[in-house]
C-alpha atoms as a PDB file:
ATOM      1  CA  UNK A   1     -22.923  -3.578 -15.457  1.00  0.00           C
ATOM      2  CA  UNK A   2     -23.825  -5.919 -12.877  1.00  0.00           C
ATOM      3  CA  UNK A   3     -22.987  -4.461  -9.522  1.00  0.00           C
ATOM      4  CA  UNK A   4     -22.805  -7.952  -8.567  1.00  0.00           C
ATOM      5  CA  UNK A   5     -20.391  -9.359 -11.264  1.00  0.00           C
ATOM      6  CA  UNK A   6     -16.692  -9.539 -11.383  1.00  0.00           C
ATOM      7  CA  UNK A   7     -14.154  -7.107 -12.700  1.00  0.00           C
ATOM      8  CA  UNK A   8     -12.890  -7.570 -15.797  1.00  0.00           C
ATOM      9  CA  UNK A   9      -9.044  -9.343 -15.645  1.00  0.00           C
ATOM     10  CA  UNK A  10      -8.070  -7.077 -18.931  1.00  0.00           C
ATOM     11  CA  UNK A  11      -9.010  -4.108 -17.125  1.00  0.00           C
ATOM     12  CA  UNK A  12      -7.128  -5.451 -13.961  1.00  0.00           C
ATOM     13  CA  UNK A  13      -3.823  -6.171 -15.905  1.00  0.00           C
ATOM     14  CA  UNK A  14      -4.081  -2.483 -17.762  1.00  0.00           C
ATOM     15  CA  UNK A  15      -4.903  -0.486 -14.262  1.00  0.00           C
ATOM     16  CA  UNK A  16      -1.807  -2.679 -12.578  1.00  0.00           C
ATOM     17  CA  UNK A  17      -0.162  -1.411 -15.567  1.00  0.00           C
ATOM     18  CA  UNK A  18      -0.792   2.469 -15.062  1.00  0.00           C
ATOM     19  CA  UNK A  19      -0.272   1.800 -10.858  1.00  0.00           C
ATOM     20  CA  UNK A  20       3.456   0.756 -11.946  1.00  0.00           C
ATOM     21  CA  UNK A  21       4.311   4.058 -14.182  1.00  0.00           C
ATOM     22  CA  UNK A  22       2.664   6.180 -11.305  1.00  0.00           C
ATOM     23  CA  UNK A  23       4.590   3.903  -8.591  1.00  0.00           C
ATOM     24  CA  UNK A  24       7.594   4.930 -10.708  1.00  0.00           C
ATOM     25  CA  UNK A  25       6.683   8.714 -11.015  1.00  0.00           C
ATOM     26  CA  UNK A  26       5.726   8.723  -7.133  1.00  0.00           C
ATOM     27  CA  UNK A  27       7.965   6.602  -5.030  1.00  0.00           C
ATOM     28  CA  UNK A  28      10.970   5.595  -7.462  1.00  0.00           C
ATOM     29  CA  UNK A  29      11.850   8.802  -8.788  1.00  0.00           C
ATOM     30  CA  UNK A  30      12.110  10.853  -5.489  1.00  0.00           C
ATOM     31  CA  UNK A  31      14.131   7.639  -4.042  1.00  0.00           C
ATOM     32  CA  UNK A  32      16.643   8.065  -6.102  1.00  0.00           C
ATOM     33  CA  UNK A  33      16.476  12.222  -7.404  1.00  0.00           C
ATOM     34  CA  UNK A  34      15.308  13.145  -4.213  1.00  0.00           C
ATOM     35  CA  UNK A  35      14.513  17.117  -5.363  1.00  0.00           C
ATOM     36  CA  UNK A  36      15.639  18.869  -2.151  1.00  0.00           C
ATOM     37  CA  UNK A  37      18.447  17.370   0.239  1.00  0.00           C
ATOM     38  CA  UNK A  38      16.166  14.729   2.052  1.00  0.00           C
ATOM     39  CA  UNK A  39      15.732  15.613   5.951  1.00  0.00           C
ATOM     40  CA  UNK A  40      16.891  13.002   8.963  1.00  0.00           C
ATOM     41  CA  UNK A  41      14.394  12.975  11.678  1.00  0.00           C
ATOM     42  CA  UNK A  42      14.559  11.967  15.359  1.00  0.00           C
ATOM     43  CA  UNK A  43      15.265   8.791  16.683  1.00  0.00           C
ATOM     44  CA  UNK A  44      12.857   7.487  19.326  1.00  0.00           C
ATOM     45  CA  UNK A  45      13.298   5.346  22.025  1.00  0.00           C
ATOM     46  CA  UNK A  46      11.639   2.519  20.232  1.00  0.00           C
ATOM     47  CA  UNK A  47      13.814   3.014  16.945  1.00  0.00           C
ATOM     48  CA  UNK A  48      17.144   2.802  19.098  1.00  0.00           C
ATOM     49  CA  UNK A  49      15.998  -0.389  20.966  1.00  0.00           C
ATOM     50  CA  UNK A  50      15.001  -2.500  17.594  1.00  0.00           C
ATOM     51  CA  UNK A  51      18.156  -4.521  16.141  1.00  0.00           C
ATOM     52  CA  UNK A  52      18.573  -5.096  12.560  1.00  0.00           C
ATOM     53  CA  UNK A  53      17.009  -8.449  12.007  1.00  0.00           C
ATOM     54  CA  UNK A  54      18.192 -10.070   8.624  1.00  0.00           C
ATOM     55  CA  UNK A  55      15.213 -12.830   8.272  1.00  0.00           C
ATOM     56  CA  UNK A  56      12.788  -9.901   8.583  1.00  0.00           C
ATOM     57  CA  UNK A  57      14.017  -8.592   4.947  1.00  0.00           C
ATOM     58  CA  UNK A  58      12.042 -11.755   3.571  1.00  0.00           C
ATOM     59  CA  UNK A  59       8.832 -10.489   5.097  1.00  0.00           C
ATOM     60  CA  UNK A  60       9.752  -6.581   4.128  1.00  0.00           C
ATOM     61  CA  UNK A  61      10.104  -7.269   0.442  1.00  0.00           C
ATOM     62  CA  UNK A  62       6.618  -9.559   0.608  1.00  0.00           C
ATOM     63  CA  UNK A  63       4.593  -6.348   0.356  1.00  0.00           C
ATOM     64  CA  UNK A  64       4.818  -6.848  -3.929  1.00  0.00           C
ATOM     65  CA  UNK A  65       3.356 -10.433  -3.231  1.00  0.00           C
ATOM     66  CA  UNK A  66       0.365  -9.122  -1.067  1.00  0.00           C
ATOM     67  CA  UNK A  67      -0.337  -6.596  -2.921  1.00  0.00           C
ATOM     68  CA  UNK A  68      -0.733  -8.904  -6.381  1.00  0.00           C
ATOM     69  CA  UNK A  69      -2.709 -11.392  -3.938  1.00  0.00           C
ATOM     70  CA  UNK A  70      -5.303  -8.746  -2.923  1.00  0.00           C
ATOM     71  CA  UNK A  71      -5.260  -7.943  -6.975  1.00  0.00           C
ATOM     72  CA  UNK A  72      -6.329 -11.365  -7.844  1.00  0.00           C
ATOM     73  CA  UNK A  73      -8.757 -12.327  -4.651  1.00  0.00           C
ATOM     74  CA  UNK A  74     -10.706  -9.252  -4.925  1.00  0.00           C
ATOM     75  CA  UNK A  75     -13.410 -10.121  -7.854  1.00  0.00           C
ATOM     76  CA  UNK A  76     -16.345  -8.052  -7.202  1.00  0.00           C
ATOM     77  CA  UNK A  77     -16.689  -4.591  -9.533  1.00  0.00           C
ATOM     78  CA  UNK A  78     -17.556  -2.340  -6.498  1.00  0.00           C
ATOM     79  CA  UNK A  79     -14.682  -3.603  -4.487  1.00  0.00           C
ATOM     80  CA  UNK A  80     -12.305  -3.630  -6.732  1.00  0.00           C
ATOM     81  CA  UNK A  81     -13.039   0.072  -8.127  1.00  0.00           C
ATOM     82  CA  UNK A  82     -12.940   1.262  -4.726  1.00  0.00           C
ATOM     83  CA  UNK A  83      -9.861  -0.864  -3.977  1.00  0.00           C
ATOM     84  CA  UNK A  84      -8.216   0.643  -7.102  1.00  0.00           C
ATOM     85  CA  UNK A  85      -9.285   4.117  -6.172  1.00  0.00           C
ATOM     86  CA  UNK A  86      -7.343   3.721  -2.652  1.00  0.00           C
ATOM     87  CA  UNK A  87      -4.296   2.368  -3.972  1.00  0.00           C
ATOM     88  CA  UNK A  88      -3.804   5.241  -6.535  1.00  0.00           C
ATOM     89  CA  UNK A  89      -4.883   8.019  -3.467  1.00  0.00           C
ATOM     90  CA  UNK A  90      -2.555   6.219  -1.658  1.00  0.00           C
ATOM     91  CA  UNK A  91       0.205   6.227  -3.759  1.00  0.00           C
ATOM     92  CA  UNK A  92      -0.514   9.916  -4.578  1.00  0.00           C
ATOM     93  CA  UNK A  93      -0.765  11.104  -0.918  1.00  0.00           C
ATOM     94  CA  UNK A  94       2.624   9.340  -0.337  1.00  0.00           C
ATOM     95  CA  UNK A  95       4.288  10.610  -3.080  1.00  0.00           C
ATOM     96  CA  UNK A  96       3.678  14.188  -2.466  1.00  0.00           C
ATOM     97  CA  UNK A  97       5.430  14.055   0.958  1.00  0.00           C
ATOM     98  CA  UNK A  98       8.283  11.912  -0.768  1.00  0.00           C
ATOM     99  CA  UNK A  99       8.863  15.271  -3.563  1.00  0.00           C
ATOM    100  CA  UNK A 100       8.467  17.977  -1.554  1.00  0.00           C
ATOM    101  CA  UNK A 101       9.106  16.337   1.990  1.00  0.00           C
ATOM    102  CA  UNK A 102      11.872  14.139   1.591  1.00  0.00           C
ATOM    103  CA  UNK A 103      13.440  12.330   4.621  1.00  0.00           C
ATOM    104  CA  UNK A 104      15.751   9.816   4.857  1.00  0.00           C
ATOM    105  CA  UNK A 105      17.135   6.652   7.934  1.00  0.00           C
ATOM    106  CA  UNK A 106      20.766   6.422   8.653  1.00  0.00           C
ATOM    107  CA  UNK A 107      20.848   2.995   7.810  1.00  0.00           C
ATOM    108  CA  UNK A 108      23.070   0.775   9.616  1.00  0.00           C
ATOM    109  CA  UNK A 109      25.723  -1.573   8.183  1.00  0.00           C
ATOM    110  CA  UNK A 110      24.137  -4.562   7.068  1.00  0.00           C
ATOM    111  CA  UNK A 111      25.707  -7.368   8.772  1.00  0.00           C
ATOM    112  CA  UNK A 112      27.328 -10.594   6.720  1.00  0.00           C
ATOM    113  CA  UNK A 113      24.599 -13.783   6.572  1.00  0.00           C
ATOM    114  CA  UNK A 114      25.062 -17.000   4.627  1.00  0.00           C
ATOM    115  CA  UNK A 115      21.283 -17.748   3.686  1.00  0.00           C
ATOM    116  CA  UNK A 116      21.099 -16.981   0.245  1.00  0.00           C
ATOM    117  CA  UNK A 117      17.744 -16.046   0.634  1.00  0.00           C
ATOM    118  CA  UNK A 118      17.680 -13.416   2.554  1.00  0.00           C
ATOM    119  CA  UNK A 119      21.293 -12.232   1.533  1.00  0.00           C
ATOM    120  CA  UNK A 120      19.552 -11.802  -1.687  1.00  0.00           C
ATOM    121  CA  UNK A 121      16.550  -9.626  -0.317  1.00  0.00           C
ATOM    122  CA  UNK A 122      19.241  -7.540   1.623  1.00  0.00           C
ATOM    123  CA  UNK A 123      21.135  -6.781  -1.928  1.00  0.00           C
ATOM    124  CA  UNK A 124      17.864  -6.020  -3.220  1.00  0.00           C
ATOM    125  CA  UNK A 125      16.856  -3.309  -0.809  1.00  0.00           C
ATOM    126  CA  UNK A 126      20.503  -2.233  -0.173  1.00  0.00           C
ATOM    127  CA  UNK A 127      21.119  -1.640  -4.215  1.00  0.00           C
ATOM    128  CA  UNK A 128      17.527  -0.668  -4.937  1.00  0.00           C
ATOM    129  CA  UNK A 129      15.902   0.992  -2.243  1.00  0.00           C
ATOM    130  CA  UNK A 130      17.574   3.972  -0.691  1.00  0.00           C
ATOM    131  CA  UNK A 131      16.877   4.761   2.649  1.00  0.00           C
ATOM    132  CA  UNK A 132      14.825   7.649   1.655  1.00  0.00           C
ATOM    133  CA  UNK A 133      10.560   8.022   1.171  1.00  0.00           C
ATOM    134  CA  UNK A 134      10.577   7.351   5.132  1.00  0.00           C
ATOM    135  CA  UNK A 135       7.560   9.440   5.680  1.00  0.00           C
ATOM    136  CA  UNK A 136       4.710   8.509   5.811  1.00  0.00           C
ATOM    137  CA  UNK A 137       5.960   4.514   5.069  1.00  0.00           C
ATOM    138  CA  UNK A 138       4.266   3.543   1.939  1.00  0.00           C
ATOM    139  CA  UNK A 139       4.673  -0.319   3.045  1.00  0.00           C
ATOM    140  CA  UNK A 140       2.843   0.084   6.002  1.00  0.00           C
ATOM    141  CA  UNK A 141       0.112   2.384   3.985  1.00  0.00           C
ATOM    142  CA  UNK A 142      -0.059   0.147   0.772  1.00  0.00           C
ATOM    143  CA  UNK A 143      -0.360  -3.390   2.928  1.00  0.00           C
ATOM    144  CA  UNK A 144      -2.700  -2.037   5.049  1.00  0.00           C
ATOM    145  CA  UNK A 145      -5.169  -0.820   2.267  1.00  0.00           C
ATOM    146  CA  UNK A 146      -4.632  -3.882   0.366  1.00  0.00           C
ATOM    147  CA  UNK A 147      -5.816  -5.758   3.750  1.00  0.00           C
ATOM    148  CA  UNK A 148      -8.594  -3.348   4.675  1.00  0.00           C
ATOM    149  CA  UNK A 149     -10.365  -4.146   1.070  1.00  0.00           C
ATOM    150  CA  UNK A 150     -10.211  -8.199   1.716  1.00  0.00           C
ATOM    151  CA  UNK A 151     -12.287  -7.299   4.536  1.00  0.00           C
ATOM    152  CA  UNK A 152     -15.630  -8.655   2.636  1.00  0.00           C
ATOM    153  CA  UNK A 153     -14.490 -12.050   1.644  1.00  0.00           C
ATOM    154  CA  UNK A 154     -13.310 -14.660   4.117  1.00  0.00           C
ATOM    155  CA  UNK A 155     -12.641 -14.498   7.433  1.00  0.00           C
ATOM    156  CA  UNK A 156     -10.084 -16.605   7.572  1.00  0.00           C
ATOM    157  CA  UNK A 157      -8.282 -15.180   4.423  1.00  0.00           C
ATOM    158  CA  UNK A 158      -8.616 -11.777   5.918  1.00  0.00           C
ATOM    159  CA  UNK A 159      -6.955 -12.791   9.353  1.00  0.00           C
ATOM    160  CA  UNK A 160      -4.260 -14.566   7.234  1.00  0.00           C
ATOM    161  CA  UNK A 161      -3.673 -10.971   5.009  1.00  0.00           C
ATOM    162  CA  UNK A 162      -3.814  -8.916   8.514  1.00  0.00           C
ATOM    163  CA  UNK A 163      -1.274 -11.471  10.017  1.00  0.00           C
ATOM    164  CA  UNK A 164       1.255 -10.556   7.116  1.00  0.00           C
ATOM    165  CA  UNK A 165       0.167  -6.668   6.888  1.00  0.00           C
ATOM    166  CA  UNK A 166       1.451  -6.751  10.651  1.00  0.00           C
ATOM    167  CA  UNK A 167       4.263  -8.900   9.870  1.00  0.00           C
ATOM    168  CA  UNK A 168       5.044  -6.135   6.805  1.00  0.00           C
ATOM    169  CA  UNK A 169       4.688  -2.952   9.616  1.00  0.00           C
ATOM    170  CA  UNK A 170       7.091  -4.207  11.913  1.00  0.00           C
ATOM    171  CA  UNK A 171       9.678  -5.223   8.865  1.00  0.00           C
ATOM    172  CA  UNK A 172       9.923  -1.699   8.482  1.00  0.00           C
ATOM    173  CA  UNK A 173      11.277  -1.407  11.642  1.00  0.00           C
ATOM    174  CA  UNK A 174      13.391  -4.408  12.030  1.00  0.00           C
ATOM    175  CA  UNK A 175      15.218  -3.688   8.436  1.00  0.00           C
ATOM    176  CA  UNK A 176      15.942  -0.453   9.491  1.00  0.00           C
ATOM    177  CA  UNK A 177      14.453   1.169   6.731  1.00  0.00           C
ATOM    178  CA  UNK A 178      12.116   3.494   8.635  1.00  0.00           C
ATOM    179  CA  UNK A 179      11.235   5.308  11.796  1.00  0.00           C
ATOM    180  CA  UNK A 180       8.796   4.628  13.884  1.00  0.00           C
ATOM    181  CA  UNK A 181       7.093   8.005  13.232  1.00  0.00           C
ATOM    182  CA  UNK A 182       6.973   6.605   9.535  1.00  0.00           C
ATOM    183  CA  UNK A 183       4.436   3.971  10.550  1.00  0.00           C
ATOM    184  CA  UNK A 184       2.126   5.953  12.509  1.00  0.00           C
ATOM    185  CA  UNK A 185       2.183   8.350   9.129  1.00  0.00           C
ATOM    186  CA  UNK A 186       1.379   5.045   6.592  1.00  0.00           C
ATOM    187  CA  UNK A 187      -1.492   4.036   9.080  1.00  0.00           C
ATOM    188  CA  UNK A 188      -2.951   8.077   9.153  1.00  0.00           C
ATOM    189  CA  UNK A 189      -2.745   7.800   5.454  1.00  0.00           C
ATOM    190  CA  UNK A 190      -5.272   4.334   5.604  1.00  0.00           C
ATOM    191  CA  UNK A 191      -7.406   5.985   7.897  1.00  0.00           C
ATOM    192  CA  UNK A 192      -7.646   9.418   5.772  1.00  0.00           C
ATOM    193  CA  UNK A 193      -8.311   7.272   2.153  1.00  0.00           C
ATOM    194  CA  UNK A 194     -10.777   4.972   3.875  1.00  0.00           C
ATOM    195  CA  UNK A 195     -12.225   8.043   5.091  1.00  0.00           C
ATOM    196  CA  UNK A 196     -12.315   9.975   2.045  1.00  0.00           C
ATOM    197  CA  UNK A 197     -13.727   6.476  -0.279  1.00  0.00           C
ATOM    198  CA  UNK A 198     -16.421   6.597   2.096  1.00  0.00           C
ATOM    199  CA  UNK A 199     -17.214  10.296   1.834  1.00  0.00           C
ATOM    200  CA  UNK A 200     -16.790   9.240  -1.933  1.00  0.00           C
ATOM    201  CA  UNK A 201     -18.986   5.929  -2.317  1.00  0.00           C
ATOM    202  CA  UNK A 202     -21.978   7.989  -0.202  1.00  0.00           C
ATOM    203  CA  UNK A 203     -21.974  11.160  -2.339  1.00  0.00           C
ATOM    204  CA  UNK A 204     -20.922  10.334  -5.389  1.00  0.00           C
ATOM    205  CA  UNK A 205     -23.485   7.437  -6.345  1.00  0.00           C
ATOM    206  CA  UNK A 206     -27.028   8.135  -8.255  1.00  0.00           C
ATOM    207  CA  UNK A 207     -29.835   6.512  -7.827  1.00  0.00           C
ATOM    208  CA  UNK A 208     -32.084   3.977 -10.158  1.00  0.00           C
ATOM    209  CA  UNK A 209     -35.351   2.856 -10.473  1.00  0.00           C
ATOM    210  CA  UNK A 210     -36.014   0.210  -8.318  1.00  0.00           C
ATOM    211  CA  UNK A 211     -36.158  -3.120 -10.048  1.00  0.00           C
ATOM    212  CA  UNK A 212     -37.737  -6.698  -9.056  1.00  0.00           C
ATOM    213  CA  UNK A 213     -35.251  -7.397  -5.891  1.00  0.00           C
ATOM    214  CA  UNK A 214     -34.191  -4.151  -5.392  1.00  0.00           C
ATOM    215  CA  UNK A 215     -33.793  -2.753  -2.161  1.00  0.00           C
ATOM    216  CA  UNK A 216     -35.243   0.382  -1.215  1.00  0.00           C
ATOM    217  CA  UNK A 217     -33.596   3.533  -2.236  1.00  0.00           C
ATOM    218  CA  UNK A 218     -30.543   1.093  -3.630  1.00  0.00           C
ATOM    219  CA  UNK A 219     -27.918   3.228  -5.529  1.00  0.00           C
ATOM    220  CA  UNK A 220     -25.518   2.048  -7.964  1.00  0.00           C
ATOM    221  CA  UNK A 221     -21.495   4.072  -7.821  1.00  0.00           C
ATOM    222  CA  UNK A 222     -20.817   5.932 -10.578  1.00  0.00           C
ATOM    223  CA  UNK A 223     -18.351   4.343 -13.272  1.00  0.00           C
ATOM    224  CA  UNK A 224     -14.628   5.474 -12.318  1.00  0.00           C
ATOM    225  CA  UNK A 225     -13.227   2.996 -13.981  1.00  0.00           C
ATOM    226  CA  UNK A 226     -14.806   2.273 -17.475  1.00  0.00           C
ATOM    227  CA  UNK A 227     -14.287  -0.113 -19.967  1.00  0.00           C
ATOM    228  CA  UNK A 228     -10.588   0.593 -21.044  1.00  0.00           C
END
């Protein structure tokens, strides 16, 4: 496959379906059926100082939309393979914590709000997302990986996604779904996954015979996601 070609849409859809299945196993299942009693972590002064802000539930639930846009916008085959590897690695890494080291947040009672959209977002989180699977924050990790993966594109698009990601990171605290340490944990997962991905690209590539127009010692990546 040409290194500059676009990643096939049908394979994107298949990978998205596989990711949803993996998400169910590594996030939803341990969220609803913790293997051990989830631990409550110490509250920092920042956790105690930040209030619950209802409208930020709209931002918090927009993480799915951010990831979907990243899937659509990342078109280059090499970039999308890298994005896919990092997303699955992030889910797997966080999932191990959720399964073997479950944590929970002492979620407060939600205030009554009149806005239909904010109320719907709050009810969606309250019913569908228990305050477990705290450390590390999967919200922080997945959205940060998505923003990182867009770095080769338009600077304006990247800037928008960075701001969107920062808003989601802040919303993990203002919705009282996460501790501050969870945010740090999510960012550390991002750093670890990026480092492993760089190591993978540097070591699991193969040299090919130079062609006209090739850069010296150019390489092609190993096909991790062949035609499905």
